[in-house]
Amino acid sequence: MDGRYTNIEMNFANDHLQKCSMSCEQKTEYSHVGELCTQPGFEPQSTSGRESLYRRTMVVFISLWIITLIILGAVLSVSFLPGSGLQNEMTDLQRMTSSSILEIQARLEDKNKQLETKNRENSNLIQEKSGLQNQLKELQMRTSNNISGLQVQLEDKNKQLETKNRENSNLIQERSGLQIQLKEIQMKTSSNISGLQVQLEDKNKQLETKNRENSNLIQERSGLQIQLKEIQMKTLSNISGLQVQLEDKNKQLETKNRENSNLIQEKSGLQNQLKELQMRTSNNISGLQVQLEDKNKQLEIKNRVISKLILQKFDLQNEVRELQTIAEDGFAKWTNKQGIVRQEVWKWIRKAAANVILDPRTAHRNLTVSEDGKQVTFSGGLLPDSPLRFSNWYGIQGKESFSSGRHYYEVQVGTRGCFSVGFVKESVEKMKYTVTSESGFLMFILEKNVYKVSTTPPTSLSLNEPPNNVGVYVDYDKGQVSFYNVGTRSHIYSFTGYNFSEKLYPAVNSCNSMTSGPLIISPVSHTA
């Protein structure tokens, strides 16, 4: 009885699996996937697969419980029978039934795991399929780009095939000619047969080679034609655009042709005019040649005159240089003369004008210098101390020094009551307050309403008219520094007889007055 009930349970479970197996075997287009019938190419959805698995599991469980209830009913029906043997059989049957249920549940769990594995494999296959579809699209896009290249290759192969066909036809004609010649020669002269046979064999070999080449070309052409047909089927949409472009090119070509025809007509008209002009010009050539000879003779005469004038110009330039040297020596003598300076001497002095720019690094700590370096004012503020600055003298020197030649600058002093203008030597001691020529100061000074110069000792001056604008002049090579009243063009004073051996810097002193306004380096006019 144990074996009977056990076989009933196993047969029920196996019947379900055999039915699925038989249905799969009856339908050959289906395949087994995890002990279940699935259709190839079918892409199961994960949710529907799980619902189907759940239904099948429930059916199996319900079937098992029904079988269990039937068995229990049978057991209860025989429970009133006498004898302990039946009770033992019922106990064994219950134990075997429970073990069969556990075994079927284990097999069901295995099937569920196999189904989940197959579902994961199917999802991976779906992803691979989508990737392959994307690759197919990219390949189709790339294939469209290869149409033009394949067309060009096909045209080349067609041209090569035509060339080979022409060559083959020529070879065939030559072979037929040789065969005719061979027959004639065989009839006439048997001695030449061997040579012609050799030539015929060579031609046959060449023909075979050409045939093989042609067969290869034909195969290549057929392959290209197949590819071209496939591409043409895919690229029919581009035909309309190409036709439009072709029509545009045709229109442009027609326009160019009309333009070319117009140009050709113009060219023919110009050629006719050129012929007429050549005919007219030939008559004037002789007259022009005569005129050209006359002009050449006149040009030779002019060239001789010009060469003489050039020599005279060089002589005059040398004389002018000599006169300028003499005049400059004479002007130099007049630069330190008292009184009004002669007009030509004054222009000569002012031609030596220098662009003097004041150096703020050398200014006294209480001075303020403009950005352009042309003005200086006593401000009372304290600048950073530096060994380059004048410490006890409210002065400032220029950026540029002079060590040769003549130089001139002008300072607008106005009506201020104190100032100093002139030159200082490079070796002047800026930390001391000794403004004399021996200490390196060559200055014209107004101090306490007294005009003086920085000789050793200082020399006071008596001026007829106070200057508003002072001119300062140095002739380094002659050892002279002079001062002038620019407004009256009069000489004030000159330091003479010096033998300068170091650099001279322009220098001015604004004194310690905040109400007198700035000292200004004035621009010099060469025409005044």
Protein backbone atom coordinates (compact mmCIF):
# COMPACT_ATOMS: atom_id res chain seq x y z
CA MET A 1 0.00 0.00 0.00
CA ASP A 2 2.96 2.35 0.64
CA GLY A 3 4.20 1.87 -2.88
CA ARG A 4 0.74 2.38 -4.33
CA TYR A 5 0.18 5.82 -2.77
CA THR A 6 3.74 6.88 -3.48
CA ASN A 7 3.38 5.97 -7.12
CA ILE A 8 0.12 7.93 -7.31
CA GLU A 9 1.91 11.12 -6.09
CA MET A 10 4.96 10.68 -8.33
CA ASN A 11 2.81 9.83 -11.33
CA PHE A 12 0.78 13.02 -10.81
CA ALA A 13 3.90 15.21 -10.75
CA ASN A 14 5.49 13.38 -13.68
CA ASP A 15 2.27 13.60 -15.73
CA HIS A 16 2.47 17.40 -15.56
CA LEU A 17 6.07 17.46 -16.78
CA GLN A 18 5.39 14.84 -19.51
CA LYS A 19 2.45 16.84 -20.84
CA CYS A 20 4.67 19.89 -21.25
CA SER A 21 7.39 17.73 -22.82
CA MET A 22 4.91 16.10 -25.23
CA SER A 23 3.48 19.47 -26.27
CA CYS A 24 7.01 20.72 -26.98
CA GLU A 25 7.88 17.60 -28.97
CA GLN A 26 4.66 17.80 -31.01
CA LYS A 27 5.45 21.42 -32.00
CA THR A 28 8.85 21.31 -33.62
CA GLU A 29 9.10 25.09 -33.90
CA TYR A 30 9.24 25.32 -30.12
CA SER A 31 12.21 24.60 -27.82
CA HIS A 32 12.68 23.60 -24.18
CA VAL A 33 13.76 26.49 -21.95
CA GLY A 34 14.09 25.50 -18.32
CA GLU A 35 11.69 22.51 -18.64
CA LEU A 36 9.04 24.91 -20.09
CA CYS A 37 7.85 25.36 -23.66
CA THR A 38 8.96 28.66 -25.10
CA GLN A 39 8.90 29.99 -28.65
CA PRO A 40 12.26 30.98 -30.20
CA GLY A 41 12.59 34.70 -30.81
CA PHE A 42 9.82 35.38 -28.28
CA GLU A 43 10.94 37.98 -25.80
CA PRO A 44 9.21 37.15 -22.49
CA GLN A 45 8.39 40.02 -20.25
CA SER A 46 9.70 39.57 -16.74
CA THR A 47 6.36 40.41 -15.06
CA SER A 48 4.20 38.06 -17.20
CA GLY A 49 6.77 35.22 -16.75
CA ARG A 50 6.62 35.56 -12.98
CA GLU A 51 2.78 35.62 -13.00
CA SER A 52 2.71 32.44 -15.12
CA LEU A 53 5.19 30.76 -12.76
CA TYR A 54 3.07 31.78 -9.80
CA ARG A 55 -0.11 30.31 -11.38
CA ARG A 56 1.61 27.03 -12.15
CA THR A 57 3.00 26.79 -8.65
CA MET A 58 -0.44 27.37 -7.16
CA VAL A 59 -1.94 24.68 -9.42
CA VAL A 60 0.69 22.18 -8.26
CA PHE A 61 0.16 23.04 -4.61
CA ILE A 62 -3.65 22.79 -4.91
CA SER A 63 -3.30 19.46 -6.70
CA LEU A 64 -1.04 18.17 -3.97
CA TRP A 65 -3.44 19.23 -1.24
CA ILE A 66 -6.35 17.61 -3.07
CA ILE A 67 -4.39 14.37 -3.27
CA THR A 68 -3.58 14.68 0.40
CA LEU A 69 -7.25 15.18 1.29
CA ILE A 70 -8.22 12.14 -0.82
CA ILE A 71 -5.61 10.04 0.94
CA LEU A 72 -6.76 11.28 4.35
CA GLY A 73 -10.38 10.49 3.40
CA ALA A 74 -9.36 6.98 2.43
CA VAL A 75 -7.49 6.60 5.68
CA LEU A 76 -10.46 7.81 7.70
CA SER A 77 -12.75 5.44 5.80
CA VAL A 78 -10.71 2.47 6.92
CA SER A 79 -10.03 3.79 10.41
CA PHE A 80 -12.89 1.74 11.83
CA LEU A 81 -11.40 -1.47 10.51
CA PRO A 82 -9.90 -3.66 13.25
CA GLY A 83 -6.26 -4.39 13.64
CA SER A 84 -3.16 -2.37 14.39
CA GLY A 85 -1.66 -3.25 11.01
CA LEU A 86 -3.92 -0.81 9.23
CA GLN A 87 -2.96 1.96 11.61
CA ASN A 88 0.69 1.31 10.95
CA GLU A 89 0.06 1.38 7.22
CA MET A 90 -1.78 4.70 7.59
CA THR A 91 1.11 6.17 9.58
CA ASP A 92 3.61 5.01 6.97
CA LEU A 93 1.42 6.39 4.23
CA GLN A 94 1.26 9.82 5.93
CA ARG A 95 5.05 9.87 6.39
CA MET A 96 5.66 8.89 2.77
CA THR A 97 3.11 11.44 1.56
CA SER A 98 4.79 14.26 3.49
CA SER A 99 8.22 13.23 2.16
CA SER A 100 6.84 13.17 -1.40
CA ILE A 101 5.40 16.67 -0.92
CA LEU A 102 8.78 17.97 0.29
CA GLU A 103 10.52 16.32 -2.64
CA ILE A 104 8.09 17.88 -5.13
CA GLN A 105 8.47 21.27 -3.45
CA ALA A 106 12.28 20.98 -3.77
CA ARG A 107 11.95 20.11 -7.45
CA LEU A 108 9.54 23.03 -7.90
CA GLU A 109 12.04 25.42 -6.32
CA ASP A 110 14.75 24.11 -8.67
CA LYS A 111 12.45 24.71 -11.62
CA ASN A 112 11.74 28.25 -10.37
CA LYS A 113 15.47 28.96 -10.13
CA GLN A 114 16.03 27.56 -13.63
CA LEU A 115 13.20 29.76 -14.92
CA GLU A 116 14.69 32.87 -13.28
CA THR A 117 18.07 32.01 -14.85
CA LYS A 118 16.46 31.67 -18.27
CA ASN A 119 14.61 34.96 -17.78
CA ARG A 120 17.93 36.72 -16.98
CA GLU A 121 19.46 35.13 -20.08
CA ASN A 122 16.50 36.34 -22.13
CA SER A 123 16.88 39.89 -20.77
CA ASN A 124 20.59 39.80 -21.69
CA LEU A 125 19.67 38.58 -25.17
CA ILE A 126 17.17 41.46 -25.47
CA GLN A 127 19.90 43.95 -24.54
CA GLU A 128 22.29 42.35 -27.03
CA LYS A 129 19.56 42.52 -29.66
CA SER A 130 19.02 46.27 -29.03
CA GLY A 131 22.80 46.81 -29.24
CA LEU A 132 22.95 44.91 -32.53
CA GLN A 133 20.03 46.98 -33.84
CA ASN A 134 21.94 50.19 -32.98
CA GLN A 135 25.05 48.83 -34.69
CA LEU A 136 22.90 47.95 -37.72
CA LYS A 137 21.62 51.52 -37.89
CA GLU A 138 25.16 52.91 -37.66
CA LEU A 139 26.29 50.46 -40.33
CA GLN A 140 23.42 51.57 -42.58
CA MET A 141 24.44 55.22 -42.08
CA ARG A 142 28.06 54.39 -42.90
CA THR A 143 26.99 52.35 -45.94
CA SER A 144 25.20 55.38 -47.37
CA ASN A 145 28.50 57.27 -47.19
CA ASN A 146 30.27 54.54 -49.19
CA ILE A 147 27.94 54.85 -52.21
CA SER A 148 30.02 57.39 -54.02
CA GLY A 149 33.23 55.41 -53.45
CA LEU A 150 31.67 52.19 -54.75
CA GLN A 151 30.26 54.00 -57.77
CA VAL A 152 33.71 55.38 -58.56
CA GLN A 153 35.22 51.91 -58.17
CA LEU A 154 32.53 50.42 -60.38
CA GLU A 155 33.19 53.02 -63.08
CA ASP A 156 36.93 52.32 -62.84
CA LYS A 157 36.31 48.59 -63.14
CA ASN A 158 34.00 49.15 -66.13
CA LYS A 159 36.68 51.27 -67.81
CA GLN A 160 39.30 48.62 -67.08
CA LEU A 161 36.99 45.91 -68.44
CA GLU A 162 36.34 47.90 -71.61
CA THR A 163 40.08 48.39 -72.01
CA LYS A 164 40.70 44.68 -71.48
CA ASN A 165 37.89 43.81 -73.90
CA ARG A 166 39.44 46.02 -76.55
CA GLU A 167 42.79 44.40 -75.90
CA ASN A 168 41.18 40.95 -76.11
CA SER A 169 39.46 41.80 -79.36
CA ASN A 170 42.79 42.98 -80.72
CA LEU A 171 44.47 39.80 -79.53
CA ILE A 172 41.69 37.69 -81.01
CA GLN A 173 42.08 39.49 -84.31
CA GLU A 174 45.83 39.00 -84.15
CA ARG A 175 45.36 35.32 -83.30
CA SER A 176 42.95 34.80 -86.18
CA GLY A 177 45.41 36.58 -88.47
CA LEU A 178 48.22 34.40 -87.23
CA GLN A 179 46.11 31.29 -87.70
CA ILE A 180 45.39 32.32 -91.29
CA GLN A 181 49.07 33.04 -91.81
CA LEU A 182 49.92 29.70 -90.23
CA LYS A 183 47.64 27.86 -92.61
CA GLU A 184 49.08 29.70 -95.61
CA ILE A 185 52.62 29.11 -94.43
CA GLN A 186 51.91 25.44 -93.73
CA MET A 187 50.72 25.11 -97.29
CA LYS A 188 53.69 27.01 -98.69
CA THR A 189 56.62 26.53 -96.32
CA SER A 190 56.66 23.82 -93.70
CA SER A 191 59.92 25.26 -92.29
CA ASN A 192 58.16 28.28 -90.69
CA ILE A 193 55.50 26.26 -88.89
CA SER A 194 57.40 25.93 -85.62
CA GLY A 195 57.99 29.70 -85.27
CA LEU A 196 54.37 30.55 -85.95
CA GLN A 197 53.25 27.85 -83.54
CA VAL A 198 55.40 29.39 -80.84
CA GLN A 199 53.90 32.82 -81.54
CA LEU A 200 50.45 31.29 -81.55
CA GLU A 201 51.09 29.65 -78.19
CA ASP A 202 52.35 32.97 -76.77
CA LYS A 203 49.25 34.68 -78.02
CA ASN A 204 47.10 31.93 -76.56
CA LYS A 205 48.83 32.31 -73.21
CA GLN A 206 48.37 36.07 -73.34
CA LEU A 207 44.76 35.54 -74.24
CA GLU A 208 44.28 33.10 -71.36
CA THR A 209 45.92 35.59 -69.00
CA LYS A 210 43.70 38.35 -70.28
CA ASN A 211 40.67 36.07 -69.97
CA ARG A 212 41.55 35.33 -66.36
CA GLU A 213 42.02 39.03 -65.70
CA ASN A 214 38.71 39.72 -67.43
CA SER A 215 36.96 37.05 -65.38
CA ASN A 216 38.34 38.65 -62.21
CA LEU A 217 37.26 42.06 -63.40
CA ILE A 218 33.84 40.68 -64.33
CA GLN A 219 33.47 39.16 -60.87
CA GLU A 220 34.56 42.41 -59.26
CA ARG A 221 32.20 44.34 -61.47
CA SER A 222 29.31 41.99 -60.60
CA GLY A 223 30.09 42.41 -56.91
CA LEU A 224 30.22 46.17 -57.25
CA GLN A 225 27.01 46.14 -59.27
CA ILE A 226 25.30 44.13 -56.52
CA GLN A 227 26.57 46.57 -53.91
CA LEU A 228 25.55 49.49 -56.09
CA LYS A 229 22.05 48.06 -56.49
CA GLU A 230 21.72 47.58 -52.76
CA ILE A 231 22.98 51.09 -52.11
CA GLN A 232 20.76 52.55 -54.81
CA MET A 233 17.75 50.87 -53.19
CA LYS A 234 18.74 52.48 -49.87
CA THR A 235 19.57 55.89 -51.32
CA LEU A 236 16.71 56.57 -53.69
CA SER A 237 15.82 59.53 -51.50
CA ASN A 238 19.04 61.29 -52.59
CA ILE A 239 18.21 61.13 -56.31
CA SER A 240 15.90 64.14 -56.24
CA GLY A 241 18.55 66.27 -54.50
CA LEU A 242 21.20 65.22 -56.99
CA GLN A 243 18.86 65.97 -59.87
CA VAL A 244 18.23 69.45 -58.48
CA GLN A 245 21.98 70.01 -58.14
CA LEU A 246 22.47 68.74 -61.70
CA GLU A 247 19.85 71.16 -62.99
CA ASP A 248 21.55 74.02 -61.11
CA LYS A 249 24.90 73.06 -62.61
CA ASN A 250 23.33 72.90 -66.06
CA LYS A 251 21.89 76.39 -65.59
CA GLN A 252 25.25 77.68 -64.41
CA LEU A 253 26.91 76.02 -67.40
CA GLU A 254 24.44 77.65 -69.78
CA THR A 255 25.12 81.03 -68.15
CA LYS A 256 28.88 80.51 -68.47
CA ASN A 257 28.46 79.46 -72.09
CA ARG A 258 26.54 82.66 -72.85
CA GLU A 259 29.24 84.68 -71.09
CA ASN A 260 31.94 82.83 -73.03
CA SER A 261 30.15 83.53 -76.32
CA ASN A 262 30.00 87.22 -75.43
CA LEU A 263 33.68 87.19 -74.53
CA ILE A 264 34.52 85.47 -77.80
CA GLN A 265 32.63 88.15 -79.73
CA GLU A 266 34.42 90.89 -77.77
CA LYS A 267 37.74 89.15 -78.40
CA SER A 268 37.13 89.05 -82.15
CA GLY A 269 36.19 92.74 -82.10
CA LEU A 270 39.35 93.62 -80.20
CA GLN A 271 41.44 91.55 -82.59
CA ASN A 272 40.01 93.51 -85.50
CA GLN A 273 40.74 96.79 -83.73
CA LEU A 274 44.26 95.57 -83.00
CA LYS A 275 44.89 94.79 -86.65
CA GLU A 276 43.66 98.24 -87.70
CA LEU A 277 45.80 99.86 -85.01
CA GLN A 278 48.87 97.88 -86.11
CA MET A 279 48.33 99.01 -89.67
CA ARG A 280 48.08 102.64 -88.53
CA THR A 281 51.00 102.35 -86.12
CA SER A 282 53.37 100.97 -88.74
CA ASN A 283 53.06 104.23 -90.62
CA ASN A 284 54.09 106.27 -87.55
CA ILE A 285 57.12 104.15 -86.53
CA SER A 286 59.62 105.96 -88.74
CA GLY A 287 58.54 109.40 -87.51
CA LEU A 288 58.73 108.28 -83.90
CA GLN A 289 62.20 106.82 -84.42
CA VAL A 290 63.42 110.18 -85.74
CA GLN A 291 61.89 112.00 -82.77
CA LEU A 292 63.45 109.45 -80.41
CA GLU A 293 66.91 110.06 -81.82
CA ASP A 294 66.44 113.83 -81.38
CA LYS A 295 65.33 113.36 -77.79
CA ASN A 296 68.34 111.13 -77.07
CA LYS A 297 70.67 113.82 -78.36
CA GLN A 298 68.93 116.45 -76.22
CA LEU A 299 69.13 114.13 -73.20
CA GLU A 300 72.87 113.66 -73.64
CA ILE A 301 73.30 117.43 -73.69
CA LYS A 302 71.15 117.79 -70.54
CA ASN A 303 73.10 115.03 -68.77
CA ARG A 304 76.38 116.82 -69.44
CA VAL A 305 74.89 120.05 -68.07
CA ILE A 306 73.51 118.23 -64.98
CA SER A 307 76.87 116.60 -64.24
CA LYS A 308 78.48 120.05 -64.31
CA LEU A 309 75.77 121.43 -62.00
CA ILE A 310 76.27 118.54 -59.57
CA LEU A 311 79.98 119.29 -59.36
CA GLN A 312 79.19 122.96 -58.78
CA LYS A 313 76.66 121.93 -56.06
CA PHE A 314 79.32 119.91 -54.21
CA ASP A 315 81.71 122.86 -54.38
CA LEU A 316 79.03 125.23 -53.04
CA GLN A 317 78.15 122.82 -50.19
CA ASN A 318 81.77 122.70 -49.12
CA GLU A 319 81.93 126.51 -49.22
CA VAL A 320 78.71 126.71 -47.15
CA ARG A 321 80.14 124.33 -44.55
CA GLU A 322 83.26 126.45 -44.31
CA LEU A 323 81.17 129.62 -43.99
CA GLN A 324 78.97 127.98 -41.33
CA THR A 325 82.04 127.04 -39.33
CA ILE A 326 83.32 130.58 -39.62
CA ALA A 327 79.86 131.94 -38.70
CA GLU A 328 79.54 129.64 -35.71
CA ASP A 329 82.90 130.75 -34.43
CA GLY A 330 81.69 134.30 -34.86
CA PHE A 331 78.33 133.55 -33.17
CA ALA A 332 80.13 131.94 -30.25
CA LYS A 333 82.01 135.18 -29.67
CA TRP A 334 78.69 137.06 -29.46
CA THR A 335 77.00 134.70 -26.99
CA ASN A 336 78.62 136.32 -23.93
CA LYS A 337 78.45 139.92 -25.05
CA GLN A 338 76.56 142.31 -22.79
CA GLY A 339 73.33 143.91 -23.98
CA ILE A 340 70.87 142.84 -26.64
CA VAL A 341 71.81 139.64 -28.47
CA ARG A 342 71.84 139.98 -32.25
CA GLN A 343 68.93 138.31 -34.02
CA GLU A 344 70.98 135.79 -36.01
CA VAL A 345 73.02 134.90 -32.91
CA TRP A 346 69.82 134.48 -30.87
CA LYS A 347 68.39 132.03 -33.46
CA TRP A 348 71.66 130.15 -33.51
CA ILE A 349 71.60 129.79 -29.70
CA ARG A 350 67.98 128.60 -29.61
CA LYS A 351 68.65 125.98 -32.31
CA ALA A 352 70.59 124.10 -29.60
CA ALA A 353 67.37 123.60 -27.59
CA ALA A 354 67.24 120.37 -25.51
CA ASN A 355 64.17 118.51 -24.23
CA VAL A 356 64.79 118.88 -20.49
CA ILE A 357 62.71 116.60 -18.23
CA LEU A 358 63.14 116.88 -14.45
CA ASP A 359 64.09 113.77 -12.48
CA PRO A 360 61.78 113.34 -9.43
CA ARG A 361 64.30 110.99 -7.79
CA THR A 362 66.64 113.98 -7.21
CA ALA A 363 63.98 116.41 -5.96
CA HIS A 364 64.09 117.82 -2.41
CA ARG A 365 61.64 116.06 -0.08
CA ASN A 366 59.36 119.15 0.04
CA LEU A 367 59.00 119.46 -3.77
CA THR A 368 56.28 118.11 -6.05
CA VAL A 369 57.05 117.30 -9.70
CA SER A 370 54.41 117.12 -12.45
CA GLU A 371 53.84 113.86 -14.32
CA ASP A 372 55.46 115.19 -17.52
CA GLY A 373 58.55 116.36 -15.60
CA LYS A 374 58.16 119.96 -16.79
CA GLN A 375 56.99 121.69 -13.56
CA VAL A 376 58.20 121.73 -9.93
CA THR A 377 56.45 123.29 -6.90
CA PHE A 378 57.25 123.63 -3.22
CA SER A 379 54.44 121.74 -1.46
CA GLY A 380 55.69 121.23 2.09
CA GLY A 381 55.03 117.48 1.98
CA LEU A 382 57.75 114.99 2.84
CA LEU A 383 58.85 112.51 0.18
CA PRO A 384 60.83 109.37 1.12
CA ASP A 385 64.45 110.15 1.86
CA SER A 386 67.11 109.07 -0.64
CA PRO A 387 70.84 109.76 -1.20
CA LEU A 388 69.92 110.94 -4.72
CA ARG A 389 67.91 113.90 -3.36
CA PHE A 390 69.11 117.39 -2.51
CA SER A 391 68.78 117.63 1.25
CA ASN A 392 69.48 121.33 2.12
CA TRP A 393 68.82 122.95 -1.26
CA TYR A 394 65.21 123.06 -2.61
CA GLY A 395 66.34 121.95 -6.02
CA ILE A 396 65.95 119.23 -8.65
CA GLN A 397 68.09 118.22 -11.63
CA GLY A 398 67.19 116.92 -15.11
CA LYS A 399 67.20 113.29 -16.20
CA GLU A 400 69.54 113.84 -19.17
CA SER A 401 73.15 114.97 -18.77
CA PHE A 402 75.44 116.68 -21.28
CA SER A 403 79.13 115.91 -21.85
CA SER A 404 79.72 117.60 -25.24
CA GLY A 405 78.23 120.09 -27.74
CA ARG A 406 75.83 123.03 -27.30
CA HIS A 407 72.54 122.84 -25.34
CA TYR A 408 69.86 125.36 -24.38
CA TYR A 409 66.66 125.40 -22.31
CA GLU A 410 64.27 128.00 -20.91
CA VAL A 411 62.62 128.30 -17.49
CA GLN A 412 59.48 130.36 -16.82
CA VAL A 413 60.08 132.00 -13.44
CA GLY A 414 57.28 134.57 -13.52
CA THR A 415 57.25 137.24 -10.79
CA ARG A 416 58.38 134.99 -7.95
CA GLY A 417 60.84 136.43 -5.43
CA CYS A 418 63.21 133.46 -5.21
CA PHE A 419 64.58 130.95 -7.71
CA SER A 420 67.77 129.40 -9.11
CA VAL A 421 68.36 128.05 -12.65
CA GLY A 422 71.45 126.68 -14.40
CA PHE A 423 73.63 123.56 -14.40
CA VAL A 424 75.21 121.33 -11.75
CA LYS A 425 78.14 118.98 -12.11
CA GLU A 426 77.70 115.23 -11.65
CA SER A 427 80.03 115.29 -8.60
CA VAL A 428 78.02 117.90 -6.69
CA GLU A 429 77.47 117.01 -3.02
CA LYS A 430 73.71 117.00 -2.49
CA MET A 431 73.88 116.67 1.28
CA LYS A 432 75.64 120.03 1.71
CA TYR A 433 74.36 123.54 1.14
CA THR A 434 77.21 125.35 -0.62
CA VAL A 435 75.94 126.81 -3.93
CA THR A 436 79.17 127.97 -5.59
CA SER A 437 80.96 127.22 -8.81
CA GLU A 438 83.75 125.49 -6.85
CA SER A 439 81.20 123.07 -5.34
CA GLY A 440 79.74 122.33 -8.81
CA PHE A 441 76.85 124.86 -9.06
CA LEU A 442 76.73 127.14 -12.14
CA MET A 443 73.51 128.99 -11.30
CA PHE A 444 71.65 132.30 -11.90
CA ILE A 445 69.93 133.15 -8.58
CA LEU A 446 67.23 135.50 -7.28
CA GLU A 447 67.25 135.56 -3.50
CA LYS A 448 65.81 138.26 -1.18
CA ASN A 449 65.13 140.45 -4.23
CA VAL A 450 68.83 140.32 -5.21
CA TYR A 451 70.01 138.80 -8.53
CA LYS A 452 73.36 137.03 -8.40
CA VAL A 453 75.40 134.16 -9.84
CA SER A 454 77.08 131.30 -7.99
CA THR A 455 80.67 132.39 -8.47
CA THR A 456 83.16 132.00 -5.64
CA PRO A 457 82.31 134.28 -3.87
CA PRO A 458 78.82 135.01 -5.33
CA THR A 459 78.55 137.96 -7.71
CA SER A 460 75.57 140.32 -7.46
CA LEU A 461 73.97 141.60 -10.66
CA SER A 462 72.09 144.75 -11.51
CA LEU A 463 69.43 144.15 -14.15
CA ASN A 464 67.49 146.83 -16.01
CA GLU A 465 64.43 144.60 -16.28
CA PRO A 466 63.66 141.46 -14.23
CA PRO A 467 63.23 138.37 -16.44
CA ASN A 468 59.97 136.38 -16.50
CA ASN A 469 61.56 133.70 -18.66
CA VAL A 470 65.26 132.79 -18.28
CA GLY A 471 67.27 131.13 -21.05
CA VAL A 472 70.15 128.86 -20.00
CA TYR A 473 72.88 128.02 -22.54
CA VAL A 474 75.97 125.77 -22.30
CA ASP A 475 78.81 125.24 -24.78
CA TYR A 476 80.51 122.25 -23.19
CA ASP A 477 83.48 122.18 -25.53
CA LYS A 478 84.24 125.92 -25.05
CA GLY A 479 83.66 125.79 -21.25
CA GLN A 480 80.86 128.39 -21.21
CA VAL A 481 77.48 128.66 -19.39
CA SER A 482 75.34 131.75 -20.17
CA PHE A 483 71.98 133.20 -18.98
CA TYR A 484 69.58 135.38 -20.98
CA ASN A 485 66.38 137.36 -20.45
CA VAL A 486 64.19 135.70 -23.07
CA GLY A 487 61.62 138.51 -23.09
CA THR A 488 64.17 141.24 -23.95
CA ARG A 489 66.66 138.93 -25.76
CA SER A 490 69.39 140.35 -23.58
CA HIS A 491 72.49 138.76 -22.08
CA ILE A 492 72.57 138.46 -18.25
CA TYR A 493 75.82 136.67 -17.34
CA SER A 494 78.29 134.02 -18.61
CA PHE A 495 80.57 131.57 -16.84
CA THR A 496 83.59 131.25 -19.18
CA GLY A 497 87.01 129.66 -19.31
CA TYR A 498 85.98 126.34 -17.76
CA ASN A 499 87.52 123.03 -18.81
CA PHE A 500 84.62 120.64 -18.21
CA SER A 501 85.57 117.00 -17.65
CA GLU A 502 82.40 115.55 -16.13
CA LYS A 503 78.71 115.49 -16.95
CA LEU A 504 76.54 118.56 -16.51
CA TYR A 505 72.84 118.31 -15.48
CA PRO A 506 70.20 121.04 -15.90
CA ALA A 507 69.02 122.14 -12.44
CA VAL A 508 66.41 124.51 -10.91
CA ASN A 509 65.51 125.62 -7.36
CA SER A 510 61.98 126.77 -6.45
CA CYS A 511 62.93 127.89 -2.89
CA ASN A 512 60.60 127.28 0.06
CA SER A 513 57.70 129.42 -1.06
CA MET A 514 54.22 127.89 -1.40
CA THR A 515 52.64 131.08 -2.85
CA SER A 516 54.94 131.72 -5.81
CA GLY A 517 53.62 129.00 -8.14
CA PRO A 518 55.65 126.41 -10.06
CA LEU A 519 58.87 126.74 -12.02
CA ILE A 520 58.07 125.63 -15.60
CA ILE A 521 60.43 124.25 -18.26
CA SER A 522 59.14 126.15 -21.32
CA PRO A 523 59.14 124.88 -24.92
CA VAL A 524 61.66 126.65 -27.17
CA SER A 525 60.71 128.12 -30.55
CA HIS A 526 63.50 127.95 -33.15
CA THR A 527 62.05 130.80 -35.22
CA ALA A 528 61.82 133.49 -32.52
